[in-house]
Structures are given as structure tokens and as C-alpha cells.
Amino acid sequence: VRSSRIAAGHGAKVALAESAMGGSTADGGFGGLGGTCVNVGCVPKKLMVYGSHYTHDVHDAKAYGWDIGAPSLNWQRFIENKNKEIARLNGIYERMLGNAGVEIMRGRATLVDAHTVEINGKKVTADKILV
């Protein structure tokens, strides 16, 4: 994403192929613009770690005079909200790419040769291809 945005900023005609459409995938994962960190790595891990601390925070609050009932977790709501946050980040990446003039081509890209990729049955050629 970054390299395509920077290249477009220098005047290059840039297209980015993305097979993940954003949202839950058939295998239970999550995919979209932003790569591994945003979709299945750093960001979801941080959200899960932050969320796991709340039960301890509620327990610790008693020492500071707070009377709070026993915490409970609605796992489905947590996962839905995690996915909404990731989708929000995917949208930010999509807007940044669009504003930079990068064409997003939805589909899986397969290298055909040094100057050709095939995306959804369509062959696209370029002087330079970055994988």
C-alpha cells in the first residue's frame, strides 16, 4: 500500500491488486487493504490484549472505592466490534490510495512473466511490477 501510494505521488501510473475484499473470510480470518498487520496481525492482537485487561481493571477498581458488578464478556459483540475497527482501517487505506491516484484492482494477481500479471482472467502489463 505504502509503496504504491509513494510511487503514484511521484507521478507513476500505479495499480494495486487486492484479493481480500475486507471482512470475514471463508476460513474464519479477516482480509482487506492494509495487509497482515491491519487484518490478522498487530491490530487485532492489540484489540484482544486491550480487551483482556478490562476484567482486571474492574477488579482493581474496588481498591479505589468503585463498586462495579462482575464483568462479563459478550464474545460475539467483541468480535463484531473488532471487525468494524479493521474495516474502518481498510477504508482509510482505500481512501488514501484513491486520493493518491492508485487504481485498486479487486482480485488475485498471478505473475505471468516479468512484465505481466493476470487478475481475474485479465492480463495487465507494466514496465515494473512490485510483489
N, C-alpha and C. Protein backbone atom coordinates (compact mmCIF):
# COMPACT_ATOMS: atom_id res chain seq x y z
N VAL A 1 0.83 -1.18 0.00
CA VAL A 1 0.00 0.00 0.00
C VAL A 1 0.88 1.25 0.00
N ARG A 2 1.84 1.30 0.90
CA ARG A 2 2.69 2.49 1.01
C ARG A 2 3.49 2.72 -0.27
N SER A 3 4.11 1.67 -0.78
CA SER A 3 4.95 1.85 -1.97
C SER A 3 4.12 2.31 -3.17
N SER A 4 2.90 1.80 -3.30
CA SER A 4 2.06 2.23 -4.42
C SER A 4 1.65 3.69 -4.26
N ARG A 5 1.35 4.09 -3.04
CA ARG A 5 0.97 5.49 -2.78
C ARG A 5 2.13 6.43 -3.06
N ILE A 6 3.33 6.05 -2.64
CA ILE A 6 4.51 6.90 -2.87
C ILE A 6 4.83 6.99 -4.36
N ALA A 7 4.79 5.85 -5.05
CA ALA A 7 5.07 5.85 -6.50
C ALA A 7 4.06 6.73 -7.24
N ALA A 8 2.80 6.63 -6.87
CA ALA A 8 1.78 7.47 -7.51
C ALA A 8 2.03 8.94 -7.20
N GLY A 9 2.51 9.22 -6.00
CA GLY A 9 2.83 10.59 -5.63
C GLY A 9 3.96 11.18 -6.45
N HIS A 10 4.80 10.33 -7.01
CA HIS A 10 5.90 10.78 -7.88
C HIS A 10 5.49 10.77 -9.35
N GLY A 11 4.20 10.55 -9.61
CA GLY A 11 3.71 10.63 -10.98
C GLY A 11 3.58 9.32 -11.71
N ALA A 12 3.94 8.21 -11.10
CA ALA A 12 3.82 6.91 -11.77
C ALA A 12 2.35 6.51 -11.86
N LYS A 13 2.02 5.81 -12.93
CA LYS A 13 0.70 5.22 -13.04
C LYS A 13 0.76 3.91 -12.27
N VAL A 14 -0.08 3.79 -11.23
CA VAL A 14 0.02 2.66 -10.31
C VAL A 14 -1.32 1.96 -10.16
N ALA A 15 -1.25 0.63 -10.18
CA ALA A 15 -2.41 -0.19 -9.85
C ALA A 15 -2.00 -1.16 -8.75
N LEU A 16 -2.93 -1.46 -7.89
CA LEU A 16 -2.69 -2.38 -6.79
C LEU A 16 -3.73 -3.48 -6.86
N ALA A 17 -3.28 -4.74 -6.86
CA ALA A 17 -4.21 -5.87 -6.87
C ALA A 17 -4.43 -6.32 -5.43
N GLU A 18 -5.68 -6.50 -5.08
CA GLU A 18 -6.03 -6.94 -3.72
C GLU A 18 -7.13 -7.98 -3.82
N SER A 19 -6.83 -9.19 -3.36
CA SER A 19 -7.82 -10.26 -3.46
C SER A 19 -8.76 -10.28 -2.26
N ALA A 20 -8.30 -9.81 -1.11
CA ALA A 20 -9.16 -9.79 0.07
C ALA A 20 -10.07 -8.58 -0.01
N MET A 21 -11.34 -8.79 0.19
CA MET A 21 -12.32 -7.73 -0.01
C MET A 21 -12.66 -6.95 1.26
N GLY A 22 -12.12 -7.33 2.37
CA GLY A 22 -12.47 -6.66 3.63
C GLY A 22 -13.62 -7.38 4.28
N GLY A 23 -13.41 -7.85 5.46
CA GLY A 23 -14.44 -8.57 6.19
C GLY A 23 -14.02 -9.99 6.46
N SER A 24 -14.93 -10.73 7.05
CA SER A 24 -14.63 -12.11 7.42
C SER A 24 -14.43 -12.95 6.17
N THR A 25 -13.46 -13.84 6.22
CA THR A 25 -13.18 -14.73 5.10
C THR A 25 -13.75 -16.11 5.38
N ALA A 26 -13.82 -16.93 4.35
CA ALA A 26 -14.41 -18.26 4.47
C ALA A 26 -13.70 -19.12 5.52
N ASP A 27 -12.41 -18.91 5.69
CA ASP A 27 -11.65 -19.71 6.65
C ASP A 27 -11.67 -19.11 8.06
N GLY A 28 -12.51 -18.11 8.29
CA GLY A 28 -12.65 -17.53 9.62
C GLY A 28 -11.70 -16.39 9.90
N GLY A 29 -10.89 -16.03 8.92
CA GLY A 29 -9.96 -14.93 9.09
C GLY A 29 -10.58 -13.60 8.70
N PHE A 30 -9.73 -12.65 8.42
CA PHE A 30 -10.20 -11.33 8.05
C PHE A 30 -9.23 -10.80 7.02
N GLY A 31 -9.70 -10.19 5.97
CA GLY A 31 -8.80 -9.71 4.94
C GLY A 31 -9.25 -8.39 4.37
N GLY A 32 -8.32 -7.64 3.80
CA GLY A 32 -8.61 -6.38 3.16
C GLY A 32 -7.35 -5.55 3.05
N LEU A 33 -7.50 -4.33 2.57
CA LEU A 33 -6.36 -3.44 2.41
C LEU A 33 -5.69 -3.20 3.75
N GLY A 34 -4.38 -3.12 3.74
CA GLY A 34 -3.63 -2.89 4.96
C GLY A 34 -2.73 -4.05 5.32
N GLY A 35 -2.93 -5.18 4.67
CA GLY A 35 -2.03 -6.31 4.85
C GLY A 35 -2.22 -7.06 6.16
N THR A 36 -1.22 -7.87 6.45
CA THR A 36 -1.27 -8.76 7.60
C THR A 36 -1.44 -8.00 8.90
N CYS A 37 -0.68 -6.92 9.11
CA CYS A 37 -0.73 -6.21 10.39
C CYS A 37 -2.14 -5.71 10.69
N VAL A 38 -2.76 -5.05 9.75
CA VAL A 38 -4.09 -4.48 9.99
C VAL A 38 -5.14 -5.57 10.12
N ASN A 39 -5.08 -6.59 9.28
CA ASN A 39 -6.19 -7.54 9.17
C ASN A 39 -6.13 -8.73 10.11
N VAL A 40 -4.96 -9.30 10.29
CA VAL A 40 -4.88 -10.52 11.11
C VAL A 40 -3.68 -10.52 12.07
N GLY A 41 -2.96 -9.42 12.15
CA GLY A 41 -1.75 -9.38 12.97
C GLY A 41 -1.83 -8.37 14.09
N CYS A 42 -1.04 -7.31 13.96
CA CYS A 42 -0.84 -6.32 15.01
C CYS A 42 -2.14 -5.73 15.56
N VAL A 43 -2.99 -5.26 14.68
CA VAL A 43 -4.19 -4.54 15.13
C VAL A 43 -5.15 -5.46 15.88
N PRO A 44 -5.56 -6.61 15.30
CA PRO A 44 -6.46 -7.47 16.08
C PRO A 44 -5.83 -7.97 17.38
N LYS A 45 -4.52 -8.21 17.35
CA LYS A 45 -3.84 -8.66 18.57
C LYS A 45 -3.94 -7.60 19.65
N LYS A 46 -3.68 -6.35 19.28
CA LYS A 46 -3.76 -5.26 20.27
C LYS A 46 -5.18 -5.11 20.81
N LEU A 47 -6.17 -5.20 19.94
CA LEU A 47 -7.56 -5.08 20.41
C LEU A 47 -7.88 -6.21 21.38
N MET A 48 -7.39 -7.40 21.10
CA MET A 48 -7.66 -8.53 22.00
C MET A 48 -6.92 -8.36 23.33
N VAL A 49 -5.68 -7.90 23.28
CA VAL A 49 -4.93 -7.69 24.52
C VAL A 49 -5.58 -6.59 25.35
N TYR A 50 -5.94 -5.47 24.70
CA TYR A 50 -6.60 -4.39 25.45
C TYR A 50 -7.89 -4.89 26.07
N GLY A 51 -8.68 -5.62 25.31
CA GLY A 51 -9.95 -6.13 25.81
C GLY A 51 -9.78 -7.09 26.97
N SER A 52 -8.69 -7.84 26.96
CA SER A 52 -8.47 -8.83 28.03
C SER A 52 -8.15 -8.18 29.37
N HIS A 53 -7.76 -6.93 29.37
CA HIS A 53 -7.37 -6.25 30.61
C HIS A 53 -8.57 -5.73 31.40
N TYR A 54 -9.71 -5.57 30.77
CA TYR A 54 -10.83 -4.91 31.46
C TYR A 54 -11.30 -5.66 32.69
N THR A 55 -11.33 -6.97 32.64
CA THR A 55 -11.78 -7.70 33.83
C THR A 55 -10.85 -7.42 35.02
N HIS A 56 -9.56 -7.29 34.76
CA HIS A 56 -8.61 -6.96 35.82
C HIS A 56 -8.81 -5.52 36.31
N ASP A 57 -9.09 -4.63 35.38
CA ASP A 57 -9.31 -3.23 35.75
C ASP A 57 -10.53 -3.09 36.66
N VAL A 58 -11.61 -3.84 36.34
CA VAL A 58 -12.82 -3.79 37.16
C VAL A 58 -12.49 -4.31 38.56
N HIS A 59 -11.74 -5.38 38.63
CA HIS A 59 -11.34 -5.95 39.93
C HIS A 59 -10.50 -4.94 40.71
N ASP A 60 -9.52 -4.32 40.07
CA ASP A 60 -8.65 -3.35 40.73
C ASP A 60 -9.40 -2.10 41.18
N ALA A 61 -10.48 -1.75 40.47
CA ALA A 61 -11.22 -0.53 40.79
C ALA A 61 -11.81 -0.56 42.20
N LYS A 62 -12.08 -1.75 42.72
CA LYS A 62 -12.64 -1.87 44.07
C LYS A 62 -11.72 -1.24 45.11
N ALA A 63 -10.41 -1.35 44.88
CA ALA A 63 -9.44 -0.77 45.81
C ALA A 63 -9.49 0.75 45.81
N TYR A 64 -10.12 1.34 44.80
CA TYR A 64 -10.23 2.79 44.70
C TYR A 64 -11.65 3.27 45.00
N GLY A 65 -12.44 2.40 45.62
CA GLY A 65 -13.77 2.80 46.06
C GLY A 65 -14.89 2.53 45.08
N TRP A 66 -14.59 1.97 43.94
CA TRP A 66 -15.62 1.70 42.95
C TRP A 66 -16.34 0.39 43.28
N ASP A 67 -17.67 0.42 43.19
CA ASP A 67 -18.47 -0.79 43.31
C ASP A 67 -19.03 -1.10 41.93
N ILE A 68 -18.43 -2.07 41.30
CA ILE A 68 -18.81 -2.45 39.94
C ILE A 68 -19.17 -3.92 39.97
N GLY A 69 -20.27 -4.27 39.32
CA GLY A 69 -20.69 -5.66 39.26
C GLY A 69 -19.65 -6.54 38.56
N ALA A 70 -19.88 -7.82 38.62
CA ALA A 70 -18.96 -8.78 38.00
C ALA A 70 -18.93 -8.54 36.48
N PRO A 71 -17.74 -8.43 35.92
CA PRO A 71 -17.65 -8.21 34.47
C PRO A 71 -18.05 -9.46 33.70
N SER A 72 -18.64 -9.25 32.54
CA SER A 72 -18.95 -10.38 31.65
C SER A 72 -18.62 -9.95 30.23
N LEU A 73 -18.25 -10.90 29.42
CA LEU A 73 -17.83 -10.62 28.06
C LEU A 73 -18.85 -11.18 27.07
N ASN A 74 -19.30 -10.35 26.15
CA ASN A 74 -20.13 -10.80 25.04
C ASN A 74 -19.17 -11.01 23.87
N TRP A 75 -18.71 -12.22 23.67
CA TRP A 75 -17.69 -12.54 22.68
C TRP A 75 -18.13 -12.13 21.27
N GLN A 76 -19.37 -12.43 20.92
CA GLN A 76 -19.86 -12.09 19.58
C GLN A 76 -19.78 -10.58 19.34
N ARG A 77 -20.21 -9.78 20.30
CA ARG A 77 -20.15 -8.33 20.16
C ARG A 77 -18.70 -7.85 20.07
N PHE A 78 -17.82 -8.45 20.86
CA PHE A 78 -16.41 -8.08 20.80
C PHE A 78 -15.85 -8.33 19.40
N ILE A 79 -16.10 -9.51 18.84
CA ILE A 79 -15.59 -9.85 17.50
C ILE A 79 -16.20 -8.93 16.45
N GLU A 80 -17.49 -8.65 16.55
CA GLU A 80 -18.13 -7.73 15.60
C GLU A 80 -17.48 -6.35 15.66
N ASN A 81 -17.22 -5.85 16.86
CA ASN A 81 -16.60 -4.53 17.01
C ASN A 81 -15.16 -4.53 16.54
N LYS A 82 -14.44 -5.63 16.78
CA LYS A 82 -13.06 -5.77 16.27
C LYS A 82 -13.08 -5.68 14.75
N ASN A 83 -13.99 -6.41 14.13
CA ASN A 83 -14.09 -6.42 12.67
C ASN A 83 -14.51 -5.05 12.12
N LYS A 84 -15.37 -4.34 12.84
CA LYS A 84 -15.74 -2.98 12.41
C LYS A 84 -14.53 -2.06 12.42
N GLU A 85 -13.69 -2.19 13.44
CA GLU A 85 -12.49 -1.35 13.52
C GLU A 85 -11.53 -1.67 12.38
N ILE A 86 -11.36 -2.94 12.08
CA ILE A 86 -10.48 -3.33 10.97
C ILE A 86 -11.06 -2.82 9.65
N ALA A 87 -12.36 -2.95 9.46
CA ALA A 87 -13.00 -2.45 8.24
C ALA A 87 -12.83 -0.93 8.12
N ARG A 88 -12.89 -0.23 9.25
CA ARG A 88 -12.67 1.22 9.24
C ARG A 88 -11.26 1.53 8.75
N LEU A 89 -10.28 0.79 9.24
CA LEU A 89 -8.90 0.99 8.79
C LEU A 89 -8.73 0.63 7.33
N ASN A 90 -9.39 -0.45 6.87
CA ASN A 90 -9.36 -0.80 5.44
C ASN A 90 -9.87 0.37 4.60
N GLY A 91 -10.93 1.02 5.06
CA GLY A 91 -11.49 2.16 4.34
C GLY A 91 -10.53 3.34 4.29
N ILE A 92 -9.80 3.56 5.36
CA ILE A 92 -8.79 4.64 5.37
C ILE A 92 -7.74 4.36 4.32
N TYR A 93 -7.25 3.12 4.26
CA TYR A 93 -6.25 2.76 3.24
C TYR A 93 -6.82 2.94 1.84
N GLU A 94 -8.06 2.54 1.64
CA GLU A 94 -8.67 2.67 0.31
C GLU A 94 -8.78 4.14 -0.09
N ARG A 95 -9.19 5.01 0.84
CA ARG A 95 -9.29 6.44 0.53
C ARG A 95 -7.92 7.05 0.25
N MET A 96 -6.89 6.66 1.05
CA MET A 96 -5.55 7.20 0.82
C MET A 96 -5.03 6.80 -0.56
N LEU A 97 -5.28 5.55 -0.94
CA LEU A 97 -4.84 5.09 -2.26
C LEU A 97 -5.58 5.83 -3.36
N GLY A 98 -6.88 5.97 -3.21
CA GLY A 98 -7.67 6.68 -4.21
C GLY A 98 -7.25 8.13 -4.34
N ASN A 99 -7.00 8.78 -3.21
CA ASN A 99 -6.56 10.18 -3.24
C ASN A 99 -5.19 10.34 -3.90
N ALA A 100 -4.37 9.28 -3.84
CA ALA A 100 -3.04 9.33 -4.46
C ALA A 100 -3.10 8.99 -5.94
N GLY A 101 -4.26 8.53 -6.40
CA GLY A 101 -4.40 8.17 -7.81
C GLY A 101 -4.08 6.72 -8.12
N VAL A 102 -4.04 5.87 -7.10
CA VAL A 102 -3.76 4.45 -7.31
C VAL A 102 -5.06 3.75 -7.70
N GLU A 103 -4.99 2.95 -8.76
CA GLU A 103 -6.14 2.15 -9.18
C GLU A 103 -6.12 0.84 -8.39
N ILE A 104 -7.21 0.54 -7.70
CA ILE A 104 -7.31 -0.72 -6.96
C ILE A 104 -8.04 -1.72 -7.85
N MET A 105 -7.35 -2.82 -8.12
CA MET A 105 -7.92 -3.89 -8.95
C MET A 105 -8.26 -5.04 -8.01
N ARG A 106 -9.55 -5.31 -7.85
CA ARG A 106 -10.02 -6.35 -6.93
C ARG A 106 -9.83 -7.72 -7.58
N GLY A 107 -9.04 -8.54 -6.94
CA GLY A 107 -8.82 -9.90 -7.43
C GLY A 107 -7.42 -10.37 -7.12
N ARG A 108 -7.21 -11.66 -7.27
CA ARG A 108 -5.91 -12.27 -7.02
C ARG A 108 -5.03 -12.09 -8.25
N ALA A 109 -3.85 -11.54 -8.04
CA ALA A 109 -2.90 -11.34 -9.14
C ALA A 109 -1.94 -12.52 -9.20
N THR A 110 -1.71 -13.01 -10.40
CA THR A 110 -0.76 -14.10 -10.63
C THR A 110 0.26 -13.61 -11.63
N LEU A 111 1.55 -13.77 -11.30
CA LEU A 111 2.60 -13.38 -12.25
C LEU A 111 2.58 -14.30 -13.46
N VAL A 112 2.56 -13.70 -14.64
CA VAL A 112 2.62 -14.45 -15.89
C VAL A 112 4.06 -14.45 -16.39
N ASP A 113 4.67 -13.27 -16.39
CA ASP A 113 6.08 -13.11 -16.74
C ASP A 113 6.59 -11.85 -16.06
N ALA A 114 7.79 -11.41 -16.40
CA ALA A 114 8.41 -10.28 -15.72
C ALA A 114 7.64 -8.98 -15.86
N HIS A 115 6.75 -8.87 -16.83
CA HIS A 115 6.03 -7.61 -17.07
C HIS A 115 4.52 -7.79 -17.15
N THR A 116 4.02 -8.97 -16.74
CA THR A 116 2.58 -9.24 -16.87
C THR A 116 2.05 -9.94 -15.63
N VAL A 117 0.90 -9.47 -15.19
CA VAL A 117 0.14 -10.17 -14.16
C VAL A 117 -1.24 -10.46 -14.71
N GLU A 118 -1.85 -11.49 -14.20
CA GLU A 118 -3.23 -11.82 -14.58
C GLU A 118 -4.10 -11.64 -13.34
N ILE A 119 -5.16 -10.85 -13.49
CA ILE A 119 -6.08 -10.57 -12.40
C ILE A 119 -7.49 -10.89 -12.89
N ASN A 120 -8.09 -11.90 -12.30
CA ASN A 120 -9.45 -12.31 -12.69
C ASN A 120 -9.56 -12.57 -14.18
N GLY A 121 -8.55 -13.22 -14.76
CA GLY A 121 -8.57 -13.57 -16.18
C GLY A 121 -8.13 -12.45 -17.11
N LYS A 122 -7.86 -11.27 -16.58
CA LYS A 122 -7.43 -10.13 -17.40
C LYS A 122 -5.92 -9.96 -17.25
N LYS A 123 -5.21 -9.89 -18.37
CA LYS A 123 -3.78 -9.69 -18.33
C LYS A 123 -3.46 -8.19 -18.31
N VAL A 124 -2.60 -7.81 -17.37
CA VAL A 124 -2.19 -6.42 -17.21
C VAL A 124 -0.66 -6.39 -17.33
N THR A 125 -0.16 -5.48 -18.18
CA THR A 125 1.27 -5.37 -18.36
C THR A 125 1.79 -4.07 -17.75
N ALA A 126 3.06 -4.11 -17.34
CA ALA A 126 3.70 -2.94 -16.76
C ALA A 126 5.21 -3.08 -16.91
N ASP A 127 5.90 -1.94 -16.96
CA ASP A 127 7.35 -1.96 -17.01
C ASP A 127 7.91 -2.53 -15.72
N LYS A 128 7.31 -2.15 -14.60
CA LYS A 128 7.77 -2.63 -13.29
C LYS A 128 6.59 -3.20 -12.51
N ILE A 129 6.83 -4.35 -11.88
CA ILE A 129 5.82 -4.99 -11.04
C ILE A 129 6.44 -5.22 -9.68
N LEU A 130 5.78 -4.75 -8.63
CA LEU A 130 6.26 -4.93 -7.27
C LEU A 130 5.36 -5.94 -6.58
N VAL A 131 5.97 -6.97 -6.03
CA VAL A 131 5.21 -8.00 -5.32
C VAL A 131 5.36 -7.76 -3.83
